[in-house]
């Protein structure tokens, strides 16, 4: 008889754990964005070059305790350089 009473309780616990897991693993809301100093917005997961005074660094927009924040990825920002190709003039 006690075994029959334990089954519904165990089922309820299992259902509660599964529901809590799906809520915790939910993706961030699309409205959650990070804002750069120039006013441009970035979605969670995007990277941007952040400049603070004379210092610049590459950062990724991330969620931390339900708040978007910039997480430093590396010092400096990537730059593109145009090189000159050596073409023989025959």
Protein backbone atom coordinates (compact mmCIF):
# COMPACT_ATOMS: atom_id res chain seq x y z
CA UNK A 1 0.00 0.00 0.00
CA UNK A 2 2.82 2.41 0.86
CA UNK A 3 4.45 1.60 -2.46
CA UNK A 4 1.35 2.83 -4.31
CA UNK A 5 1.45 6.14 -2.42
CA UNK A 6 5.15 6.62 -3.20
CA UNK A 7 4.62 6.32 -6.99
CA UNK A 8 2.60 9.56 -7.42
CA UNK A 9 5.04 11.47 -5.22
CA UNK A 10 8.02 10.25 -7.25
CA UNK A 11 6.21 11.13 -10.48
CA UNK A 12 5.50 14.64 -9.21
CA UNK A 13 9.16 15.12 -8.22
CA UNK A 14 10.32 13.95 -11.63
CA UNK A 15 7.89 16.30 -13.39
CA UNK A 16 9.01 19.24 -11.21
CA UNK A 17 12.70 18.57 -11.94
CA UNK A 18 12.07 18.34 -15.68
CA UNK A 19 10.04 21.58 -15.68
CA UNK A 20 12.72 23.43 -13.71
CA UNK A 21 15.43 22.20 -16.09
CA UNK A 22 13.59 23.43 -19.15
CA UNK A 23 13.08 26.88 -17.61
CA UNK A 24 16.73 27.17 -16.61
CA UNK A 25 17.93 26.13 -20.06
CA UNK A 26 15.68 28.57 -21.94
CA UNK A 27 17.49 30.75 -24.49
CA UNK A 28 17.73 34.48 -23.79
CA UNK A 29 14.95 36.74 -24.99
CA UNK A 30 15.59 38.30 -28.41
CA UNK A 31 14.96 41.70 -26.88
CA UNK A 32 18.04 41.26 -24.68
CA UNK A 33 20.82 43.29 -26.29
CA UNK A 34 24.02 45.01 -25.30
CA UNK A 35 24.52 48.65 -26.16
CA UNK A 36 27.83 50.15 -27.23
CA UNK A 37 28.91 53.68 -26.26
CA UNK A 38 27.93 54.98 -29.69
CA UNK A 39 24.36 53.71 -29.18
CA UNK A 40 24.54 50.69 -31.49
CA UNK A 41 22.94 47.47 -30.20
CA UNK A 42 24.28 43.92 -30.35
CA UNK A 43 22.45 40.64 -29.80
CA UNK A 44 23.63 38.16 -27.18
CA UNK A 45 26.62 36.29 -28.65
CA UNK A 46 27.79 39.05 -30.99
CA UNK A 47 31.22 40.66 -30.59
CA UNK A 48 32.25 44.29 -30.87
CA UNK A 49 35.28 46.49 -30.39
CA UNK A 50 34.81 48.46 -27.17
CA UNK A 51 36.78 51.66 -26.66
CA UNK A 52 37.12 53.16 -23.18
CA UNK A 53 39.37 56.20 -23.17
CA UNK A 54 42.61 55.21 -24.92
CA UNK A 55 42.07 51.47 -24.38
CA UNK A 56 40.24 49.23 -26.86
CA UNK A 57 39.36 45.55 -26.58
CA UNK A 58 37.22 42.93 -28.25
CA UNK A 59 34.15 41.97 -26.18
CA UNK A 60 31.20 39.59 -26.51
CA UNK A 61 27.64 40.43 -25.46
CA UNK A 62 26.62 37.86 -22.81
CA UNK A 63 23.95 37.25 -20.19
CA UNK A 64 25.00 37.29 -16.54
CA UNK A 65 22.30 36.85 -13.87
CA UNK A 66 19.54 37.96 -16.29
CA UNK A 67 21.46 41.12 -17.24
CA UNK A 68 23.33 41.66 -20.49
CA UNK A 69 26.98 42.57 -20.12
CA UNK A 70 30.11 42.91 -22.21
CA UNK A 71 32.64 40.13 -21.50
CA UNK A 72 36.23 40.87 -22.59
CA UNK A 73 37.50 38.39 -25.20
CA UNK A 74 40.98 39.82 -25.82
CA UNK A 75 43.01 43.01 -25.68
CA UNK A 76 42.98 45.17 -28.78
CA UNK A 77 40.63 45.06 -31.73
CA UNK A 78 41.15 43.27 -35.03
CA UNK A 79 42.25 45.53 -37.85
CA UNK A 80 42.36 45.03 -41.57
CA UNK A 81 45.53 45.91 -43.42
CA UNK A 82 45.92 46.38 -47.12
CA UNK A 83 49.23 45.18 -48.38
CA UNK A 84 50.80 45.90 -51.72
CA UNK A 85 51.29 42.98 -54.03
CA UNK A 86 54.48 42.74 -55.97
CA UNK A 87 53.54 42.39 -59.61
CA UNK A 88 56.36 41.96 -62.11
CA UNK A 89 56.26 44.61 -64.84
CA UNK A 90 57.44 42.80 -67.96
